[in-house]
Amino acid sequence: MIFKGINDQTVEFRITNYQFPDITDCEYDSNWLLVYLKVKSDCGNWETIDPSLLTRDLKEIIEWFEKLSND
């Protein structure tokens, strides 16, 4: 997903994988997602991949975007 702002500023957000794809029997460690962010802004550009969301967090974000699109 790419968010576009003024002055051609963008934020790219992607889920790339699970942090621990081989762990399937631990509810917590099995659900960490690697998030790719790429930012292009007037203040500078950067990108990173970091385990920063759990699957349940992503579900809440998806529901939030659905509500935004309906209102």
PDB file of N, CA and C in Angstrom:
ATOM      1  N   MET A   1       0.849  -1.152   0.000  1.00  0.00           N
ATOM      2  CA  MET A   1       0.000   0.000   0.000  1.00  0.00           C
ATOM      3  C   MET A   1       0.905   1.229   0.000  1.00  0.00           C
ATOM      4  N   ILE A   2       0.579   2.189  -0.833  1.00  0.00           N
ATOM      5  CA  ILE A   2       1.345   3.431  -0.887  1.00  0.00           C
ATOM      6  C   ILE A   2       0.405   4.595  -0.596  1.00  0.00           C
ATOM      7  N   PHE A   3       0.778   5.376   0.406  1.00  0.00           N
ATOM      8  CA  PHE A   3       0.032   6.576   0.761  1.00  0.00           C
ATOM      9  C   PHE A   3       0.738   7.752   0.106  1.00  0.00           C
ATOM     10  N   LYS A   4      -0.034   8.586  -0.596  1.00  0.00           N
ATOM     11  CA  LYS A   4       0.541   9.735  -1.286  1.00  0.00           C
ATOM     12  C   LYS A   4       0.084  11.013  -0.613  1.00  0.00           C
ATOM     13  N   GLY A   5       1.023  11.935  -0.456  1.00  0.00           N
ATOM     14  CA  GLY A   5       0.729  13.215   0.164  1.00  0.00           C
ATOM     15  C   GLY A   5       1.103  14.365  -0.748  1.00  0.00           C
ATOM     16  N   ILE A   6       1.118  15.540  -0.173  1.00  0.00           N
ATOM     17  CA  ILE A   6       1.466  16.725  -0.948  1.00  0.00           C
ATOM     18  C   ILE A   6       2.960  16.703  -1.275  1.00  0.00           C
ATOM     19  N   ASN A   7       3.344  17.444  -2.290  1.00  0.00           N
ATOM     20  CA  ASN A   7       4.741  17.565  -2.725  1.00  0.00           C
ATOM     21  C   ASN A   7       5.362  16.220  -3.079  1.00  0.00           C
ATOM     22  N   ASP A   8       4.574  15.303  -3.597  1.00  0.00           N
ATOM     23  CA  ASP A   8       5.050  13.970  -3.988  1.00  0.00           C
ATOM     24  C   ASP A   8       5.641  13.174  -2.820  1.00  0.00           C
ATOM     25  N   GLN A   9       5.225  13.477  -1.608  1.00  0.00           N
ATOM     26  CA  GLN A   9       5.668  12.699  -0.453  1.00  0.00           C
ATOM     27  C   GLN A   9       4.872  11.394  -0.417  1.00  0.00           C
ATOM     28  N   THR A  10       5.548  10.293  -0.057  1.00  0.00           N
ATOM     29  CA  THR A  10       4.886   8.994  -0.014  1.00  0.00           C
ATOM     30  C   THR A  10       5.369   8.169   1.173  1.00  0.00           C
ATOM     31  N   VAL A  11       4.503   7.258   1.585  1.00  0.00           N
ATOM     32  CA  VAL A  11       4.851   6.222   2.551  1.00  0.00           C
ATOM     33  C   VAL A  11       4.381   4.906   1.950  1.00  0.00           C
ATOM     34  N   GLU A  12       5.315   3.988   1.765  1.00  0.00           N
ATOM     35  CA  GLU A  12       4.982   2.655   1.271  1.00  0.00           C
ATOM     36  C   GLU A  12       5.000   1.696   2.450  1.00  0.00           C
ATOM     37  N   PHE A  13       3.967   0.886   2.562  1.00  0.00           N
ATOM     38  CA  PHE A  13       3.781  -0.041   3.683  1.00  0.00           C
ATOM     39  C   PHE A  13       3.492  -1.419   3.111  1.00  0.00           C
ATOM     40  N   ARG A  14       4.323  -2.406   3.478  1.00  0.00           N
ATOM     41  CA  ARG A  14       4.104  -3.777   3.015  1.00  0.00           C
ATOM     42  C   ARG A  14       4.434  -4.759   4.124  1.00  0.00           C
ATOM     43  N   ILE A  15       3.715  -5.852   4.164  1.00  0.00           N
ATOM     44  CA  ILE A  15       4.063  -6.979   5.023  1.00  0.00           C
ATOM     45  C   ILE A  15       4.941  -7.890   4.172  1.00  0.00           C
ATOM     46  N   THR A  16       6.140  -8.209   4.660  1.00  0.00           N
ATOM     47  CA  THR A  16       7.049  -9.018   3.849  1.00  0.00           C
ATOM     48  C   THR A  16       7.066 -10.487   4.245  1.00  0.00           C
ATOM     49  N   ASN A  17       6.829 -10.783   5.525  1.00  0.00           N
ATOM     50  CA  ASN A  17       6.892 -12.164   5.997  1.00  0.00           C
ATOM     51  C   ASN A  17       6.595 -12.177   7.488  1.00  0.00           C
ATOM     52  N   TYR A  18       6.619 -13.350   8.047  1.00  0.00           N
ATOM     53  CA  TYR A  18       6.615 -13.485   9.497  1.00  0.00           C
ATOM     54  C   TYR A  18       8.046 -13.322   9.994  1.00  0.00           C
ATOM     55  N   GLN A  19       8.212 -12.793  11.212  1.00  0.00           N
ATOM     56  CA  GLN A  19       9.554 -12.684  11.764  1.00  0.00           C
ATOM     57  C   GLN A  19      10.164 -14.067  11.990  1.00  0.00           C
ATOM     58  N   PHE A  20       9.346 -14.983  12.488  1.00  0.00           N
ATOM     59  CA  PHE A  20       9.806 -16.344  12.756  1.00  0.00           C
ATOM     60  C   PHE A  20       8.921 -17.337  11.997  1.00  0.00           C
ATOM     61  N   PRO A  21       9.095 -17.460  10.689  1.00  0.00           N
ATOM     62  CA  PRO A  21       8.197 -18.307   9.905  1.00  0.00           C
ATOM     63  C   PRO A  21       8.244 -19.789  10.278  1.00  0.00           C
ATOM     64  N   ASP A  22       9.331 -20.222  10.904  1.00  0.00           N
ATOM     65  CA  ASP A  22       9.449 -21.635  11.266  1.00  0.00           C
ATOM     66  C   ASP A  22       8.816 -21.968  12.619  1.00  0.00           C
ATOM     67  N   ILE A  23       8.470 -20.944  13.381  1.00  0.00           N
ATOM     68  CA  ILE A  23       7.815 -21.177  14.670  1.00  0.00           C
ATOM     69  C   ILE A  23       6.309 -21.155  14.445  1.00  0.00           C
ATOM     70  N   THR A  24       5.660 -22.276  14.683  1.00  0.00           N
ATOM     71  CA  THR A  24       4.220 -22.355  14.434  1.00  0.00           C
ATOM     72  C   THR A  24       3.424 -22.730  15.669  1.00  0.00           C
ATOM     73  N   ASP A  25       4.108 -22.993  16.766  1.00  0.00           N
ATOM     74  CA  ASP A  25       3.410 -23.494  17.950  1.00  0.00           C
ATOM     75  C   ASP A  25       3.413 -22.513  19.121  1.00  0.00           C
ATOM     76  N   CYS A  26       3.809 -21.289  18.898  1.00  0.00           N
ATOM     77  CA  CYS A  26       3.818 -20.275  19.961  1.00  0.00           C
ATOM     78  C   CYS A  26       2.938 -19.113  19.511  1.00  0.00           C
ATOM     79  N   GLU A  27       1.843 -18.923  20.201  1.00  0.00           N
ATOM     80  CA  GLU A  27       0.871 -17.913  19.764  1.00  0.00           C
ATOM     81  C   GLU A  27       1.499 -16.532  19.586  1.00  0.00           C
ATOM     82  N   TYR A  28       2.399 -16.151  20.464  1.00  0.00           N
ATOM     83  CA  TYR A  28       3.000 -14.817  20.384  1.00  0.00           C
ATOM     84  C   TYR A  28       4.078 -14.752  19.299  1.00  0.00           C
ATOM     85  N   ASP A  29       5.110 -15.576  19.390  1.00  0.00           N
ATOM     86  CA  ASP A  29       6.215 -15.512  18.431  1.00  0.00           C
ATOM     87  C   ASP A  29       5.801 -15.925  17.025  1.00  0.00           C
ATOM     88  N   SER A  30       4.799 -16.736  16.903  1.00  0.00           N
ATOM     89  CA  SER A  30       4.346 -17.190  15.579  1.00  0.00           C
ATOM     90  C   SER A  30       3.622 -16.097  14.795  1.00  0.00           C
ATOM     91  N   ASN A  31       3.279 -15.003  15.447  1.00  0.00           N
ATOM     92  CA  ASN A  31       2.419 -14.000  14.817  1.00  0.00           C
ATOM     93  C   ASN A  31       3.066 -12.638  14.591  1.00  0.00           C
ATOM     94  N   TRP A  32       4.382 -12.539  14.787  1.00  0.00           N
ATOM     95  CA  TRP A  32       5.056 -11.276  14.481  1.00  0.00           C
ATOM     96  C   TRP A  32       5.263 -11.146  12.981  1.00  0.00           C
ATOM     97  N   LEU A  33       4.909  -9.988  12.445  1.00  0.00           N
ATOM     98  CA  LEU A  33       5.035  -9.717  11.014  1.00  0.00           C
ATOM     99  C   LEU A  33       6.175  -8.736  10.746  1.00  0.00           C
ATOM    100  N   LEU A  34       6.926  -9.004   9.683  1.00  0.00           N
ATOM    101  CA  LEU A  34       7.953  -8.067   9.238  1.00  0.00           C
ATOM    102  C   LEU A  34       7.284  -7.021   8.353  1.00  0.00           C
ATOM    103  N   VAL A  35       7.471  -5.765   8.720  1.00  0.00           N
ATOM    104  CA  VAL A  35       6.852  -4.657   8.003  1.00  0.00           C
ATOM    105  C   VAL A  35       7.936  -3.871   7.271  1.00  0.00           C
ATOM    106  N   TYR A  36       7.708  -3.661   5.983  1.00  0.00           N
ATOM    107  CA  TYR A  36       8.597  -2.842   5.164  1.00  0.00           C
ATOM    108  C   TYR A  36       7.989  -1.453   5.058  1.00  0.00           C
ATOM    109  N   LEU A  37       8.781  -0.436   5.371  1.00  0.00           N
ATOM    110  CA  LEU A  37       8.366   0.955   5.213  1.00  0.00           C
ATOM    111  C   LEU A  37       9.386   1.676   4.340  1.00  0.00           C
ATOM    112  N   LYS A  38       8.879   2.448   3.414  1.00  0.00           N
ATOM    113  CA  LYS A  38       9.731   3.301   2.591  1.00  0.00           C
ATOM    114  C   LYS A  38       9.101   4.689   2.592  1.00  0.00           C
ATOM    115  N   VAL A  39       9.845   5.656   3.064  1.00  0.00           N
ATOM    116  CA  VAL A  39       9.334   7.015   3.207  1.00  0.00           C
ATOM    117  C   VAL A  39      10.104   7.943   2.283  1.00  0.00           C
ATOM    118  N   LYS A  40       9.358   8.726   1.543  1.00  0.00           N
ATOM    119  CA  LYS A  40       9.928   9.782   0.709  1.00  0.00           C
ATOM    120  C   LYS A  40       9.262  11.074   1.156  1.00  0.00           C
ATOM    121  N   SER A  41      10.030  11.958   1.768  1.00  0.00           N
ATOM    122  CA  SER A  41       9.422  13.180   2.292  1.00  0.00           C
ATOM    123  C   SER A  41      10.325  14.383   2.067  1.00  0.00           C
ATOM    124  N   ASP A  42       9.785  15.544   2.349  1.00  0.00           N
ATOM    125  CA  ASP A  42      10.559  16.769   2.250  1.00  0.00           C
ATOM    126  C   ASP A  42      11.698  16.790   3.273  1.00  0.00           C
ATOM    127  N   CYS A  43      11.576  15.993   4.321  1.00  0.00           N
ATOM    128  CA  CYS A  43      12.598  15.945   5.379  1.00  0.00           C
ATOM    129  C   CYS A  43      13.661  14.878   5.128  1.00  0.00           C
ATOM    130  N   GLY A  44      13.486  14.068   4.093  1.00  0.00           N
ATOM    131  CA  GLY A  44      14.453  13.028   3.776  1.00  0.00           C
ATOM    132  C   GLY A  44      13.758  11.741   3.357  1.00  0.00           C
ATOM    133  N   ASN A  45      14.559  10.796   2.912  1.00  0.00           N
ATOM    134  CA  ASN A  45      14.053   9.506   2.452  1.00  0.00           C
ATOM    135  C   ASN A  45      14.712   8.406   3.268  1.00  0.00           C
ATOM    136  N   TRP A  46      13.957   7.359   3.565  1.00  0.00           N
ATOM    137  CA  TRP A  46      14.508   6.212   4.274  1.00  0.00           C
ATOM    138  C   TRP A  46      13.621   5.006   4.076  1.00  0.00           C
ATOM    139  N   GLU A  47      14.187   3.832   4.364  1.00  0.00           N
ATOM    140  CA  GLU A  47      13.398   2.604   4.314  1.00  0.00           C
ATOM    141  C   GLU A  47      13.928   1.640   5.372  1.00  0.00           C
ATOM    142  N   THR A  48      13.047   0.749   5.805  1.00  0.00           N
ATOM    143  CA  THR A  48      13.411  -0.207   6.840  1.00  0.00           C
ATOM    144  C   THR A  48      12.496  -1.423   6.753  1.00  0.00           C
ATOM    145  N   ILE A  49      12.956  -2.517   7.307  1.00  0.00           N
ATOM    146  CA  ILE A  49      12.127  -3.696   7.532  1.00  0.00           C
ATOM    147  C   ILE A  49      12.277  -4.029   9.010  1.00  0.00           C
ATOM    148  N   ASP A  50      11.143  -4.140   9.698  1.00  0.00           N
ATOM    149  CA  ASP A  50      11.191  -4.329  11.137  1.00  0.00           C
ATOM    150  C   ASP A  50      10.007  -5.173  11.594  1.00  0.00           C
ATOM    151  N   PRO A  51      10.199  -6.046  12.590  1.00  0.00           N
ATOM    152  CA  PRO A  51       9.062  -6.795  13.140  1.00  0.00           C
ATOM    153  C   PRO A  51       8.256  -5.876  14.062  1.00  0.00           C
ATOM    154  N   SER A  52       7.276  -5.209  13.510  1.00  0.00           N
ATOM    155  CA  SER A  52       6.604  -4.163  14.278  1.00  0.00           C
ATOM    156  C   SER A  52       5.101  -4.331  14.423  1.00  0.00           C
ATOM    157  N   LEU A  53       4.536  -5.417  13.898  1.00  0.00           N
ATOM    158  CA  LEU A  53       3.102  -5.662  14.056  1.00  0.00           C
ATOM    159  C   LEU A  53       2.851  -7.137  14.323  1.00  0.00           C
ATOM    160  N   LEU A  54       1.852  -7.386  15.127  1.00  0.00           N
ATOM    161  CA  LEU A  54       1.330  -8.743  15.270  1.00  0.00           C
ATOM    162  C   LEU A  54       0.174  -8.910  14.289  1.00  0.00           C
ATOM    163  N   THR A  55      -0.158 -10.145  13.963  1.00  0.00           N
ATOM    164  CA  THR A  55      -1.258 -10.380  13.022  1.00  0.00           C
ATOM    165  C   THR A  55      -2.551  -9.735  13.513  1.00  0.00           C
ATOM    166  N   ARG A  56      -2.795  -9.760  14.824  1.00  0.00           N
ATOM    167  CA  ARG A  56      -4.022  -9.137  15.347  1.00  0.00           C
ATOM    168  C   ARG A  56      -3.997  -7.616  15.158  1.00  0.00           C
ATOM    169  N   ASP A  57      -2.790  -6.996  15.228  1.00  0.00           N
ATOM    170  CA  ASP A  57      -2.677  -5.561  14.972  1.00  0.00           C
ATOM    171  C   ASP A  57      -3.036  -5.243  13.523  1.00  0.00           C
ATOM    172  N   LEU A  58      -2.544  -6.069  12.620  1.00  0.00           N
ATOM    173  CA  LEU A  58      -2.850  -5.865  11.208  1.00  0.00           C
ATOM    174  C   LEU A  58      -4.345  -5.999  10.947  1.00  0.00           C
ATOM    175  N   LYS A  59      -4.967  -6.950  11.594  1.00  0.00           N
ATOM    176  CA  LYS A  59      -6.417  -7.123  11.449  1.00  0.00           C
ATOM    177  C   LYS A  59      -7.151  -5.854  11.890  1.00  0.00           C
ATOM    178  N   GLU A  60      -6.728  -5.251  12.999  1.00  0.00           N
ATOM    179  CA  GLU A  60      -7.366  -4.022  13.475  1.00  0.00           C
ATOM    180  C   GLU A  60      -7.139  -2.863  12.498  1.00  0.00           C
ATOM    181  N   ILE A  61      -5.946  -2.783  11.918  1.00  0.00           N
ATOM    182  CA  ILE A  61      -5.666  -1.723  10.946  1.00  0.00           C
ATOM    183  C   ILE A  61      -6.544  -1.890   9.711  1.00  0.00           C
ATOM    184  N   ILE A  62      -6.687  -3.118   9.242  1.00  0.00           N
ATOM    185  CA  ILE A  62      -7.548  -3.389   8.075  1.00  0.00           C
ATOM    186  C   ILE A  62      -8.987  -2.979   8.379  1.00  0.00           C
ATOM    187  N   GLU A  63      -9.486  -3.333   9.556  1.00  0.00           N
ATOM    188  CA  GLU A  63     -10.851  -2.956   9.939  1.00  0.00           C
ATOM    189  C   GLU A  63     -10.995  -1.441  10.018  1.00  0.00           C
ATOM    190  N   TRP A  64      -9.967  -0.762  10.514  1.00  0.00           N
ATOM    191  CA  TRP A  64      -9.994   0.696  10.619  1.00  0.00           C
ATOM    192  C   TRP A  64     -10.074   1.328   9.225  1.00  0.00           C
ATOM    193  N   PHE A  65      -9.268   0.822   8.279  1.00  0.00           N
ATOM    194  CA  PHE A  65      -9.328   1.344   6.905  1.00  0.00           C
ATOM    195  C   PHE A  65     -10.683   1.072   6.267  1.00  0.00           C
ATOM    196  N   GLU A  66     -11.266  -0.078   6.546  1.00  0.00           N
ATOM    197  CA  GLU A  66     -12.592  -0.371   6.011  1.00  0.00           C
ATOM    198  C   GLU A  66     -13.621   0.632   6.541  1.00  0.00           C
ATOM    199  N   LYS A  67     -13.552   0.945   7.830  1.00  0.00           N
ATOM    200  CA  LYS A  67     -14.470   1.923   8.406  1.00  0.00           C
ATOM    201  C   LYS A  67     -14.244   3.301   7.777  1.00  0.00           C
ATOM    202  N   LEU A  68     -12.978   3.679   7.579  1.00  0.00           N
ATOM    203  CA  LEU A  68     -12.694   4.971   6.949  1.00  0.00           C
ATOM    204  C   LEU A  68     -13.280   5.044   5.538  1.00  0.00           C
ATOM    205  N   SER A  69     -13.163   3.953   4.806  1.00  0.00           N
ATOM    206  CA  SER A  69     -13.651   3.977   3.427  1.00  0.00           C
ATOM    207  C   SER A  69     -15.166   4.002   3.355  1.00  0.00           C
ATOM    208  N   ASN A  70     -15.834   3.528   4.401  1.00  0.00           N
ATOM    209  CA  ASN A  70     -17.298   3.534   4.424  1.00  0.00           C
ATOM    210  C   ASN A  70     -17.876   4.860   4.908  1.00  0.00           C
ATOM    211  N   ASP A  71     -17.065   5.665   5.537  1.00  0.00           N
ATOM    212  CA  ASP A  71     -17.546   6.957   6.038  1.00  0.00           C
ATOM    213  C   ASP A  71     -16.964   8.057   5.183  1.00  0.00           C
TER     214      ASP A  71
END
